[in-house]
C-alpha cells in the first residue's frame, strides 16, 4: 500500500472520531463497561463463577472496541512514517 492510500485510510479513521455520534458511542460503551464492572464486584452465589468470568470477557471486549480506532490511526501513522523513511522523505 502506498502513502496516499495509507493517508486516506488514516483520514477516514480520524473522520470517524470527529463524527458527532462518536462521543455518544464511546459514552455508551463506557456505561456498558461500568455496569458490568459493578456486577462483577457484587457478591455472587456459588456456581456463578462462570458468569463472572463471562462478564470480565465482555468488559475486555468492550474496552478493546473502544481502543480500535486509536489503534488503527496509530498503526497507520507508523506505517506512513516507515514508508517515508524507505522513500527518503522523512
Protein backbone atom coordinates (compact mmCIF):
# COMPACT_ATOMS: atom_id res chain seq x y z
CA UNK A 1 0.00 0.00 0.00
CA UNK A 2 1.36 3.45 -0.82
CA UNK A 3 1.46 6.60 1.30
CA UNK A 4 -1.54 8.14 -0.43
CA UNK A 5 -3.76 5.16 0.36
CA UNK A 6 -2.46 4.93 3.92
CA UNK A 7 -3.02 8.65 4.46
CA UNK A 8 -6.55 8.36 3.10
CA UNK A 9 -7.30 5.46 5.44
CA UNK A 10 -5.91 7.47 8.36
CA UNK A 11 -8.05 10.44 7.36
CA UNK A 12 -11.16 8.24 7.30
CA UNK A 13 -10.45 6.85 10.77
CA UNK A 14 -9.82 10.36 12.09
CA UNK A 15 -13.07 11.47 10.47
CA UNK A 16 -14.91 8.76 12.37
CA UNK A 17 -13.63 10.20 15.64
CA UNK A 18 -14.83 13.66 14.59
CA UNK A 19 -18.35 12.42 13.80
CA UNK A 20 -20.91 13.82 16.26
CA UNK A 21 -22.08 10.35 17.25
CA UNK A 22 -18.57 9.16 18.13
CA UNK A 23 -18.56 10.72 21.61
CA UNK A 24 -22.01 9.29 22.27
CA UNK A 25 -20.91 5.83 21.15
CA UNK A 26 -17.88 5.95 23.47
CA UNK A 27 -20.07 7.11 26.36
CA UNK A 28 -22.47 4.23 25.71
CA UNK A 29 -19.59 1.75 25.65
CA UNK A 30 -18.18 3.17 28.90
CA UNK A 31 -21.60 2.87 30.53
CA UNK A 32 -21.72 -0.79 29.48
CA UNK A 33 -18.27 -1.37 30.99
CA UNK A 34 -19.21 0.33 34.26
CA UNK A 35 -22.43 -1.68 34.59
CA UNK A 36 -20.60 -4.93 34.07
CA UNK A 37 -17.83 -3.96 36.49
CA UNK A 38 -20.40 -3.20 39.17
CA UNK A 39 -21.95 -6.63 38.63
CA UNK A 40 -18.54 -8.34 38.75
CA UNK A 41 -17.79 -6.68 42.10
CA UNK A 42 -21.10 -7.75 43.67
CA UNK A 43 -21.16 -10.88 45.79
CA UNK A 44 -22.32 -13.85 43.74
CA UNK A 45 -23.81 -17.13 44.73
CA UNK A 46 -21.75 -20.28 44.45
CA UNK A 47 -21.88 -21.54 40.91
CA UNK A 48 -21.89 -18.08 39.35
CA UNK A 49 -18.14 -18.00 38.82
CA UNK A 50 -18.57 -18.68 35.11
CA UNK A 51 -20.98 -15.78 34.78
CA UNK A 52 -18.43 -13.50 36.48
CA UNK A 53 -15.74 -14.65 34.04
CA UNK A 54 -18.15 -14.11 31.15
CA UNK A 55 -18.70 -10.53 32.30
CA UNK A 56 -14.95 -9.98 32.58
CA UNK A 57 -14.61 -11.14 28.97
CA UNK A 58 -17.33 -8.74 27.89
CA UNK A 59 -15.57 -5.90 29.69
CA UNK A 60 -12.31 -6.71 27.92
CA UNK A 61 -14.09 -6.88 24.57
CA UNK A 62 -15.82 -3.54 25.01
CA UNK A 63 -12.57 -1.91 26.13
CA UNK A 64 -10.81 -3.32 23.07
CA UNK A 65 -13.57 -1.94 20.85
CA UNK A 66 -13.11 1.48 22.46
CA UNK A 67 -9.41 1.47 21.53
CA UNK A 68 -9.78 0.17 17.97
CA UNK A 69 -9.91 3.49 16.12
CA UNK A 70 -6.98 4.99 18.03
CA UNK A 71 -5.01 1.80 17.42
CA UNK A 72 -5.81 1.89 13.70
CA UNK A 73 -4.71 5.53 13.46
CA UNK A 74 -1.50 4.84 15.37
CA UNK A 75 -0.71 1.80 13.20
CA UNK A 76 -1.24 3.83 10.03
CA UNK A 77 0.98 6.64 11.34
CA UNK A 78 3.76 4.13 11.99
CA UNK A 79 3.34 2.61 8.53
CA UNK A 80 3.33 6.04 6.85
CA UNK A 81 6.49 7.00 8.73
CA UNK A 82 8.15 3.73 7.74
CA UNK A 83 7.30 4.25 4.08
CA UNK A 84 8.54 7.85 4.21
CA UNK A 85 11.87 6.65 5.59
CA UNK A 86 12.13 3.96 2.92
CA UNK A 87 11.43 6.53 0.22
CA UNK A 88 13.83 9.05 1.75
CA UNK A 89 11.05 11.51 2.59
CA UNK A 90 11.47 11.57 6.31
